[in-house]
Amino acid sequence: MWDEWTKPEIARPANWQSTSDGSGVWPDTAWWRGFASPELDRLMDEASAGNLDLRVAVARVRQALANTQIAGAAIYPNLGTDASVSRTTRFGSTRTTTTTNYQAGLSVGYEVDLFGRIHATESAALTRLEASRYDQEALALTVSANVALSYFQLLALRERIALATESLNTSRRLLLLLDEQRRIGTASDLEVAQQRVSVAQQSATIPALRQVERQTLSTLALLLGRLPQNFEVAGQRLSALATPPVIGGIPSELLLRRPDVRGAEADLKAAHLDIAAARAARFPRIQLTVDGGTASTALSGLFGPGSFLLTLVGGLTAPIFEGGRLRAQQQLSQARYEELMETYRTATLSAFRDVENALSGATLFRQQLAAAREARTQAREAYRLADLRFRAGTVDFLTVLDAQRSIIATDDAVVQAQLSQLAALVDLYKALGGGWDGKLPP
């Protein structure tokens, strides 16, 4: 038999460097409900049922299950049967005779798994089946995160378009006012030209935003397994969403709750079993064969007394010269194991990195959003004061134009800061395993 596999020791941090609102708290399995969007809930349900990548993952699980059954079949004896009828005609000088022979046979073959090759192969297939199911869980988590991110990006784009359109309408009204003032001599041609440049620049940003909105909507449709044509989402504003808390989980339990890490671990264990199977393949094999049969010249006597034959054969086969093939196969399995060991270590380090980065982002982007909102408040106040003083003739129009540009920039910055904060929360819930408790469904 093979050596028992032990899980590699992996260094784990004692705690997270970044702070959270709920240390030791794990996401709910339906973590997206924390954003309080019924439409997002519906999109998640559609993605779970219609995402094409998830259907591919289900097919891969079925393939792994079939491979497990194929590998496990070698443990049992194989049974075969055959039957034949032959007719012999002899031509003589005086007469012709015809003899009919009936035969039926049954054979049983069984390989004695003396060195554990068959059991190691079956165990490796079972472990790969487990790995494919972990991969399915990891993909489901990725799809959910991508649906949420695409939905948030879509709402952010629509809000930015609405703000840009509102600013454009304000700029056009101001342009009409300047045209009127120029006719009565209180505004110059330069001021009118400057405002026309501002209107043109704002008009140019909207088509680009609408194109990105269209692309994001198509991406969301693809995640749901739907055609982009006639696919619509009702949400319009990112600010309508709730902001769930920043939670941190426990570092010591993270590797058990990440399906991608568990999948890498299962792949590593399967590779260890492949080494055992390749090593056992270099040893002799014992094959037992039982052949039974019956023969008669009359069909009615085929199963009568004295017509049965039974043969028991035991065979021993051992590789003598294979040109190094079996040794190379074992070396290949060993190299594959070493590769997957590093893959497993990378997966564990990436898991801790993902959580740390997401925790930091959720905290820092929240601070960024607060600062952006304050900047927006001050920009609006500055524009109000500049507009009053311009109408009173105490400042030039360039001051008003700069204040107007500040409002446009700060409005856009607030929306993008909101998007960054919500995206960081999605990344955090994904990094924490998305509420998966480490157990596979039956």
Protein backbone atom coordinates (compact mmCIF):
# COMPACT_ATOMS: atom_id res chain seq x y z
CA MET A 1 0.00 0.00 0.00
CA TRP A 2 1.00 3.64 -0.33
CA ASP A 3 2.26 6.08 2.27
CA GLU A 4 -0.44 8.04 4.07
CA TRP A 5 -0.80 11.59 2.77
CA THR A 6 -0.58 14.46 5.25
CA LYS A 7 -1.65 18.01 4.60
CA PRO A 8 1.32 20.40 4.28
CA GLU A 9 1.88 22.85 7.11
CA ILE A 10 0.98 26.37 6.03
CA ALA A 11 1.84 29.56 7.94
CA ARG A 12 -1.24 31.52 9.00
CA PRO A 13 -1.41 35.09 10.30
CA ALA A 14 -2.66 35.49 13.86
CA ASN A 15 -4.86 38.43 12.87
CA TRP A 16 -5.53 40.89 10.07
CA GLN A 17 -3.60 44.14 9.86
CA SER A 18 -6.65 46.04 8.65
CA THR A 19 -9.59 46.64 10.95
CA SER A 20 -13.18 45.55 10.39
CA ASP A 21 -16.61 46.18 11.87
CA GLY A 22 -17.11 42.51 12.71
CA SER A 23 -14.00 40.49 13.53
CA GLY A 24 -14.73 36.77 13.49
CA VAL A 25 -17.93 37.22 11.47
CA TRP A 26 -18.28 35.31 8.19
CA PRO A 27 -20.46 36.32 5.23
CA ASP A 28 -23.94 34.94 4.83
CA THR A 29 -24.41 32.45 2.00
CA ALA A 30 -26.61 35.07 0.29
CA TRP A 31 -24.19 37.90 1.10
CA TRP A 32 -25.50 40.11 -1.71
CA ARG A 33 -28.76 40.65 0.18
CA GLY A 34 -26.83 43.04 2.41
CA PHE A 35 -26.95 45.60 -0.42
CA ALA A 36 -30.77 45.68 -0.11
CA SER A 37 -31.52 45.44 -3.82
CA PRO A 38 -34.41 43.15 -4.87
CA GLU A 39 -33.25 43.49 -8.46
CA LEU A 40 -29.77 42.24 -7.56
CA ASP A 41 -31.37 39.28 -5.75
CA ARG A 42 -33.30 38.42 -8.91
CA LEU A 43 -30.18 38.68 -11.07
CA MET A 44 -28.32 36.34 -8.73
CA ASP A 45 -31.10 33.75 -9.02
CA GLU A 46 -31.00 34.01 -12.81
CA ALA A 47 -27.23 33.63 -12.89
CA SER A 48 -27.37 30.57 -10.64
CA ALA A 49 -29.78 28.88 -13.07
CA GLY A 50 -28.53 30.17 -16.41
CA ASN A 51 -24.80 30.90 -16.24
CA LEU A 52 -23.07 28.85 -18.93
CA ASP A 53 -19.78 28.51 -17.07
CA LEU A 54 -21.65 26.92 -14.17
CA ARG A 55 -23.19 24.43 -16.58
CA VAL A 56 -19.71 23.62 -17.82
CA ALA A 57 -18.63 23.01 -14.22
CA VAL A 58 -21.55 20.62 -13.71
CA ALA A 59 -20.50 18.70 -16.82
CA ARG A 60 -16.93 18.48 -15.49
CA VAL A 61 -18.21 17.04 -12.22
CA ARG A 62 -20.08 14.41 -14.20
CA GLN A 63 -16.91 13.61 -16.13
CA ALA A 64 -15.00 13.21 -12.86
CA LEU A 65 -17.75 10.94 -11.53
CA ALA A 66 -17.57 8.77 -14.65
CA ASN A 67 -13.77 8.55 -14.34
CA THR A 68 -14.22 7.46 -10.74
CA GLN A 69 -16.56 4.67 -11.80
CA ILE A 70 -14.12 3.60 -14.53
CA ALA A 71 -11.20 3.48 -12.09
CA GLY A 72 -13.26 1.66 -9.45
CA ALA A 73 -14.43 -1.02 -11.88
CA ALA A 74 -10.93 -2.58 -11.89
CA ILE A 75 -11.38 -3.59 -8.24
CA TYR A 76 -14.10 -6.09 -9.14
CA PRO A 77 -13.79 -9.30 -11.18
CA ASN A 78 -14.65 -9.10 -14.84
CA LEU A 79 -17.13 -11.61 -16.16
CA GLY A 80 -17.51 -12.67 -19.77
CA THR A 81 -19.47 -15.26 -21.67
CA ASP A 82 -19.43 -16.75 -25.12
CA ALA A 83 -21.47 -19.27 -27.10
CA SER A 84 -20.92 -20.92 -30.47
CA VAL A 85 -22.39 -23.46 -32.85
CA SER A 86 -20.24 -25.29 -35.40
CA ARG A 87 -21.17 -27.80 -38.05
CA THR A 88 -18.71 -30.21 -39.65
CA THR A 89 -19.49 -32.18 -42.80
CA ARG A 90 -17.36 -35.15 -43.83
CA PHE A 91 -17.64 -36.54 -47.35
CA GLY A 92 -16.85 -40.28 -47.77
CA SER A 93 -16.92 -42.73 -50.64
CA THR A 94 -20.13 -44.33 -49.46
CA ARG A 95 -21.81 -41.68 -47.33
CA THR A 96 -21.64 -38.10 -46.06
CA THR A 97 -21.88 -37.33 -42.31
CA THR A 98 -22.65 -33.99 -40.64
CA THR A 99 -21.84 -33.29 -36.99
CA THR A 100 -23.14 -30.26 -35.05
CA ASN A 101 -21.27 -29.06 -31.91
CA TYR A 102 -22.75 -26.69 -29.36
CA GLN A 103 -20.47 -24.83 -26.93
CA ALA A 104 -21.07 -22.30 -24.13
CA GLY A 105 -18.42 -20.73 -21.99
CA LEU A 106 -18.04 -18.41 -19.00
CA SER A 107 -14.82 -16.70 -17.94
CA VAL A 108 -13.97 -14.76 -14.80
CA GLY A 109 -10.82 -12.66 -14.49
CA TYR A 110 -9.50 -10.94 -11.39
CA GLU A 111 -6.30 -9.05 -10.67
CA VAL A 112 -5.03 -9.39 -7.11
CA ASP A 113 -4.21 -5.84 -6.03
CA LEU A 114 -1.15 -6.98 -4.12
CA PHE A 115 0.69 -3.64 -4.13
CA GLY A 116 -2.32 -1.28 -4.10
CA ARG A 117 -2.11 0.01 -7.68
CA ILE A 118 -5.81 -0.36 -8.42
CA HIS A 119 -6.94 1.07 -5.09
CA ALA A 120 -4.54 4.02 -5.45
CA THR A 121 -5.90 4.75 -8.92
CA GLU A 122 -9.48 4.61 -7.67
CA SER A 123 -8.68 6.81 -4.65
CA ALA A 124 -7.01 9.36 -6.93
CA ALA A 125 -10.12 9.45 -9.12
CA LEU A 126 -12.33 9.92 -6.06
CA THR A 127 -10.14 12.77 -4.85
CA ARG A 128 -10.28 14.43 -8.26
CA LEU A 129 -14.05 14.16 -8.16
CA GLU A 130 -13.92 16.02 -4.86
CA ALA A 131 -11.59 18.62 -6.42
CA SER A 132 -13.99 19.16 -9.33
CA ARG A 133 -16.81 19.82 -6.86
CA TYR A 134 -14.65 22.35 -5.02
CA ASP A 135 -13.95 23.99 -8.38
CA GLN A 136 -17.69 24.17 -8.99
CA GLU A 137 -18.17 25.95 -5.65
CA ALA A 138 -15.33 28.36 -6.42
CA LEU A 139 -16.79 29.15 -9.84
CA ALA A 140 -20.25 29.77 -8.36
CA LEU A 141 -18.68 32.27 -5.95
CA THR A 142 -16.81 33.99 -8.79
CA VAL A 143 -19.97 34.23 -10.88
CA SER A 144 -21.92 35.77 -7.98
CA ALA A 145 -19.17 38.32 -7.38
CA ASN A 146 -19.00 39.21 -11.08
CA VAL A 147 -22.77 39.67 -11.26
CA ALA A 148 -22.69 42.04 -8.29
CA LEU A 149 -19.71 43.99 -9.66
CA SER A 150 -21.25 44.30 -13.12
CA TYR A 151 -24.55 45.47 -11.63
CA PHE A 152 -22.79 48.09 -9.50
CA GLN A 153 -20.73 49.28 -12.46
CA LEU A 154 -23.90 49.60 -14.52
CA LEU A 155 -25.65 51.69 -11.84
CA ALA A 156 -22.54 53.85 -11.40
CA LEU A 157 -22.39 54.53 -15.14
CA ARG A 158 -26.07 55.45 -15.25
CA GLU A 159 -25.65 57.79 -12.32
CA ARG A 160 -22.62 59.39 -13.94
CA ILE A 161 -24.60 59.82 -17.17
CA ALA A 162 -27.46 61.43 -15.25
CA LEU A 163 -25.08 63.83 -13.49
CA ALA A 164 -23.29 64.65 -16.74
CA THR A 165 -26.61 65.32 -18.47
CA GLU A 166 -27.75 67.53 -15.61
CA SER A 167 -24.48 69.48 -15.72
CA LEU A 168 -24.75 69.80 -19.50
CA ASN A 169 -28.26 71.23 -19.21
CA THR A 170 -27.04 73.72 -16.61
CA SER A 171 -24.15 74.72 -18.87
CA ARG A 172 -26.50 75.24 -21.80
CA ARG A 173 -28.76 77.45 -19.74
CA LEU A 174 -25.74 79.44 -18.68
CA LEU A 175 -24.68 79.74 -22.33
CA LEU A 176 -28.08 81.16 -23.22
CA LEU A 177 -27.70 83.67 -20.39
CA LEU A 178 -24.26 84.72 -21.62
CA ASP A 179 -25.57 85.12 -25.18
CA GLU A 180 -28.26 87.45 -23.86
CA GLN A 181 -25.72 89.39 -21.80
CA ARG A 182 -23.44 89.75 -24.80
CA ARG A 183 -26.28 91.27 -26.82
CA ILE A 184 -26.82 93.92 -24.16
CA GLY A 185 -23.07 94.44 -23.71
CA THR A 186 -22.52 92.98 -20.22
CA ALA A 187 -20.65 89.83 -21.42
CA SER A 188 -17.79 89.49 -23.86
CA ASP A 189 -17.32 87.22 -26.87
CA LEU A 190 -14.51 85.49 -25.01
CA GLU A 191 -16.78 84.50 -22.14
CA VAL A 192 -19.36 83.13 -24.56
CA ALA A 193 -16.67 81.16 -26.43
CA GLN A 194 -15.32 79.73 -23.17
CA GLN A 195 -18.77 78.51 -22.21
CA ARG A 196 -19.32 76.98 -25.63
CA VAL A 197 -16.08 75.01 -25.19
CA SER A 198 -17.34 73.78 -21.82
CA VAL A 199 -20.68 72.71 -23.32
CA ALA A 200 -18.93 70.87 -26.16
CA GLN A 201 -16.57 69.07 -23.78
CA GLN A 202 -19.41 67.94 -21.55
CA SER A 203 -21.41 66.77 -24.57
CA ALA A 204 -18.45 64.67 -25.72
CA THR A 205 -18.24 62.68 -22.45
CA ILE A 206 -21.81 61.37 -22.53
CA PRO A 207 -21.63 59.14 -25.66
CA ALA A 208 -18.50 57.42 -24.29
CA LEU A 209 -20.26 56.74 -21.00
CA ARG A 210 -23.29 55.35 -22.81
CA GLN A 211 -21.09 52.99 -24.82
CA VAL A 212 -19.48 51.63 -21.65
CA GLU A 213 -22.98 51.32 -20.16
CA ARG A 214 -24.05 49.23 -23.17
CA GLN A 215 -20.99 46.98 -22.85
CA THR A 216 -21.54 46.50 -19.11
CA LEU A 217 -25.18 45.59 -19.69
CA SER A 218 -24.10 43.02 -22.29
CA THR A 219 -21.56 41.57 -19.86
CA LEU A 220 -24.26 41.22 -17.23
CA ALA A 221 -26.55 39.49 -19.73
CA LEU A 222 -23.77 37.02 -20.57
CA LEU A 223 -23.28 36.22 -16.88
CA LEU A 224 -26.97 35.33 -16.73
CA GLY A 225 -26.76 33.20 -19.87
CA ARG A 226 -29.00 35.56 -21.82
CA LEU A 227 -28.80 37.40 -25.11
CA PRO A 228 -27.83 41.07 -24.75
CA GLN A 229 -30.59 42.10 -27.15
CA ASN A 230 -33.65 43.42 -25.29
CA PHE A 231 -32.00 42.73 -21.94
CA GLU A 232 -32.84 45.49 -19.49
CA VAL A 233 -32.03 46.39 -15.89
CA ALA A 234 -34.24 48.85 -14.06
CA GLY A 235 -31.77 50.25 -11.51
CA GLN A 236 -30.53 53.77 -12.16
CA ARG A 237 -28.58 55.03 -9.15
CA LEU A 238 -25.76 53.51 -7.15
CA SER A 239 -26.66 55.70 -4.19
CA ALA A 240 -29.92 53.77 -3.76
CA LEU A 241 -28.03 50.71 -2.48
CA ALA A 242 -27.32 49.94 1.17
CA THR A 243 -23.76 49.52 2.41
CA PRO A 244 -23.27 46.29 4.38
CA PRO A 245 -20.73 46.09 7.21
CA VAL A 246 -17.03 45.29 6.83
CA ILE A 247 -16.44 41.85 8.37
CA GLY A 248 -13.21 39.96 8.87
CA GLY A 249 -13.70 36.30 9.65
CA ILE A 250 -10.86 34.41 11.39
CA PRO A 251 -7.49 33.87 9.67
CA SER A 252 -7.08 30.38 11.14
CA GLU A 253 -10.34 29.19 9.48
CA LEU A 254 -9.97 30.92 6.14
CA LEU A 255 -8.33 28.04 4.26
CA LEU A 256 -11.22 25.74 5.18
CA ARG A 257 -13.77 28.22 3.81
CA ARG A 258 -12.12 28.93 0.47
CA PRO A 259 -13.26 26.40 -2.16
CA ASP A 260 -10.35 27.26 -4.45
CA VAL A 261 -7.85 26.40 -1.71
CA ARG A 262 -9.71 23.18 -0.89
CA GLY A 263 -9.65 22.29 -4.58
CA ALA A 264 -5.89 22.85 -4.78
CA GLU A 265 -5.49 20.67 -1.70
CA ALA A 266 -7.55 17.86 -3.28
CA ASP A 267 -5.49 18.06 -6.48
CA LEU A 268 -2.33 17.71 -4.41
CA LYS A 269 -3.69 14.66 -2.59
CA ALA A 270 -4.71 13.04 -5.90
CA ALA A 271 -1.18 13.60 -7.24
CA HIS A 272 0.21 11.82 -4.18
CA LEU A 273 -2.00 8.83 -4.99
CA ASP A 274 -0.80 8.93 -8.61
CA ILE A 275 2.76 8.47 -7.33
CA ALA A 276 1.64 5.41 -5.36
CA ALA A 277 -0.10 3.94 -8.42
CA ALA A 278 2.94 4.58 -10.63
CA ARG A 279 5.24 2.97 -8.06
CA ALA A 280 2.99 -0.09 -7.75
CA ALA A 281 2.88 -0.47 -11.54
CA ARG A 282 6.58 -1.40 -11.46
CA PHE A 283 5.89 -4.50 -9.34
CA PRO A 284 4.56 -7.89 -10.55
CA ARG A 285 0.86 -8.42 -11.09
CA ILE A 286 -1.08 -11.56 -10.21
CA GLN A 287 -3.98 -12.36 -12.52
CA LEU A 288 -6.49 -15.12 -11.67
CA THR A 289 -8.62 -16.53 -14.46
CA VAL A 290 -11.43 -19.04 -14.20
CA ASP A 291 -12.77 -20.49 -17.45
CA GLY A 292 -15.86 -22.66 -17.36
CA GLY A 293 -17.79 -24.14 -20.24
CA THR A 294 -19.89 -26.89 -21.66
CA ALA A 295 -19.91 -28.68 -24.98
CA SER A 296 -22.27 -31.18 -26.60
CA THR A 297 -23.24 -32.47 -29.98
CA ALA A 298 -26.91 -32.04 -29.05
CA LEU A 299 -28.46 -28.80 -27.92
CA SER A 300 -30.59 -30.71 -25.40
CA GLY A 301 -27.48 -32.17 -23.80
CA LEU A 302 -25.52 -28.95 -23.62
CA PHE A 303 -26.12 -28.57 -19.90
CA GLY A 304 -26.38 -32.25 -19.08
CA PRO A 305 -24.10 -34.26 -16.77
CA GLY A 306 -20.57 -34.71 -17.99
CA SER A 307 -20.63 -31.77 -20.38
CA PHE A 308 -19.08 -29.17 -18.04
CA LEU A 309 -15.42 -28.15 -18.04
CA LEU A 310 -13.67 -25.89 -15.50
CA THR A 311 -10.20 -24.39 -15.68
CA LEU A 312 -8.45 -22.28 -13.01
CA VAL A 313 -5.34 -20.38 -14.05
CA GLY A 314 -3.13 -18.16 -11.96
CA GLY A 315 -0.71 -15.93 -13.81
CA LEU A 316 2.16 -13.74 -12.68
CA THR A 317 3.42 -10.94 -14.94
CA ALA A 318 6.30 -8.69 -14.11
CA PRO A 319 7.89 -5.90 -16.15
CA ILE A 320 11.48 -6.73 -17.13
CA PHE A 321 12.39 -4.21 -19.77
CA GLU A 322 10.11 -1.26 -20.56
CA GLY A 323 12.68 1.14 -21.90
CA GLY A 324 12.39 3.20 -18.73
CA ARG A 325 8.70 3.92 -19.32
CA LEU A 326 7.44 2.88 -15.88
CA ARG A 327 10.24 4.67 -14.06
CA ALA A 328 9.61 7.79 -16.12
CA GLN A 329 5.91 7.55 -15.29
CA GLN A 330 6.73 7.54 -11.59
CA GLN A 331 9.09 10.48 -12.05
CA LEU A 332 6.40 12.32 -13.98
CA SER A 333 3.92 11.77 -11.14
CA GLN A 334 6.48 12.97 -8.62
CA ALA A 335 7.20 16.13 -10.63
CA ARG A 336 3.48 16.77 -10.97
CA TYR A 337 3.10 16.47 -7.20
CA GLU A 338 5.90 18.98 -6.64
CA GLU A 339 4.22 21.39 -9.08
CA LEU A 340 0.87 21.10 -7.31
CA MET A 341 2.56 21.57 -3.94
CA GLU A 342 3.72 25.01 -5.05
CA THR A 343 0.30 25.69 -6.56
CA TYR A 344 -1.30 24.86 -3.22
CA ARG A 345 1.09 27.14 -1.35
CA THR A 346 0.41 29.94 -3.82
CA ALA A 347 -3.35 29.46 -3.36
CA THR A 348 -3.04 29.75 0.42
CA LEU A 349 -0.88 32.87 0.26
CA SER A 350 -3.26 34.39 -2.29
CA ALA A 351 -6.21 33.71 0.02
CA PHE A 352 -4.65 35.67 2.90
CA ARG A 353 -3.56 38.42 0.49
CA ASP A 354 -7.08 38.74 -0.96
CA VAL A 355 -8.66 39.22 2.45
CA GLU A 356 -6.03 41.71 3.60
CA ASN A 357 -6.32 43.78 0.43
CA ALA A 358 -10.12 43.72 0.52
CA LEU A 359 -10.23 44.73 4.19
CA SER A 360 -7.84 47.58 3.53
CA GLY A 361 -9.81 48.67 0.46
CA ALA A 362 -13.15 48.58 2.26
CA THR A 363 -11.75 50.82 5.01
CA LEU A 364 -9.78 53.24 2.85
CA PHE A 365 -12.45 53.61 0.16
CA ARG A 366 -14.95 54.46 2.89
CA GLN A 367 -12.63 57.29 3.93
CA GLN A 368 -12.25 58.30 0.30
CA LEU A 369 -16.02 58.46 -0.12
CA ALA A 370 -16.41 60.69 2.94
CA ALA A 371 -13.74 63.05 1.60
CA ALA A 372 -15.31 63.07 -1.87
CA ARG A 373 -18.70 63.97 -0.42
CA GLU A 374 -17.17 66.81 1.55
CA ALA A 375 -15.40 68.06 -1.57
CA ARG A 376 -18.70 67.97 -3.46
CA THR A 377 -20.44 70.00 -0.75
CA GLN A 378 -17.70 72.63 -0.81
CA ALA A 379 -17.67 72.74 -4.63
CA ARG A 380 -21.40 73.43 -4.73
CA GLU A 381 -21.05 76.20 -2.18
CA ALA A 382 -18.15 77.70 -4.13
CA TYR A 383 -20.23 77.65 -7.31
CA ARG A 384 -23.16 79.31 -5.56
CA LEU A 385 -20.95 82.12 -4.29
CA ALA A 386 -19.17 82.54 -7.65
CA ASP A 387 -22.49 82.76 -9.48
CA LEU A 388 -23.78 85.42 -7.08
CA ARG A 389 -20.64 87.52 -7.40
CA PHE A 390 -20.58 87.16 -11.17
CA ARG A 391 -24.13 88.42 -11.39
CA ALA A 392 -23.12 91.29 -9.13
CA GLY A 393 -20.15 92.02 -11.38
CA THR A 394 -17.45 91.48 -8.73
CA VAL A 395 -15.76 88.44 -10.37
CA ASP A 396 -15.16 87.46 -13.98
CA PHE A 397 -16.83 84.59 -15.75
CA LEU A 398 -13.69 82.41 -15.59
CA THR A 399 -14.23 82.07 -11.85
CA VAL A 400 -17.75 80.80 -12.45
CA LEU A 401 -16.49 78.39 -15.12
CA ASP A 402 -13.84 76.94 -12.80
CA ALA A 403 -16.44 76.49 -10.05
CA GLN A 404 -18.74 74.75 -12.48
CA ARG A 405 -15.98 72.35 -13.53
CA SER A 406 -15.29 71.57 -9.88
CA ILE A 407 -18.91 70.55 -9.35
CA ILE A 408 -18.79 68.23 -12.37
CA ALA A 409 -15.54 66.65 -11.19
CA THR A 410 -16.62 66.20 -7.56
CA ASP A 411 -20.03 64.74 -8.51
CA ASP A 412 -18.27 62.18 -10.68
CA ALA A 413 -15.69 61.47 -7.96
CA VAL A 414 -18.41 60.71 -5.42
CA VAL A 415 -20.02 58.12 -7.69
CA GLN A 416 -16.69 56.47 -8.44
CA ALA A 417 -15.78 56.43 -4.74
CA GLN A 418 -19.12 54.75 -3.99
CA LEU A 419 -18.39 52.16 -6.67
CA SER A 420 -14.90 51.52 -5.26
CA GLN A 421 -16.29 51.03 -1.75
CA LEU A 422 -19.00 48.59 -2.86
CA ALA A 423 -16.56 46.72 -5.12
CA ALA A 424 -14.17 46.35 -2.17
CA LEU A 425 -16.98 44.83 -0.10
CA VAL A 426 -17.77 42.35 -2.88
CA ASP A 427 -14.07 41.46 -3.04
CA LEU A 428 -14.04 41.00 0.72
CA TYR A 429 -17.05 38.67 0.78
CA LYS A 430 -15.52 36.70 -2.10
CA ALA A 431 -12.13 36.53 -0.35
CA LEU A 432 -13.83 35.20 2.79
CA GLY A 433 -15.41 32.37 0.82
CA GLY A 434 -18.80 33.95 0.22
CA GLY A 435 -20.40 32.28 3.23
CA TRP A 436 -19.30 28.76 2.20
CA ASP A 437 -18.81 26.65 5.32
CA GLY A 438 -16.39 24.16 3.80
CA LYS A 439 -18.94 21.39 3.29
CA LEU A 440 -19.92 19.98 -0.07
CA PRO A 441 -23.60 19.24 -0.71
CA PRO A 442 -24.57 15.56 -0.96
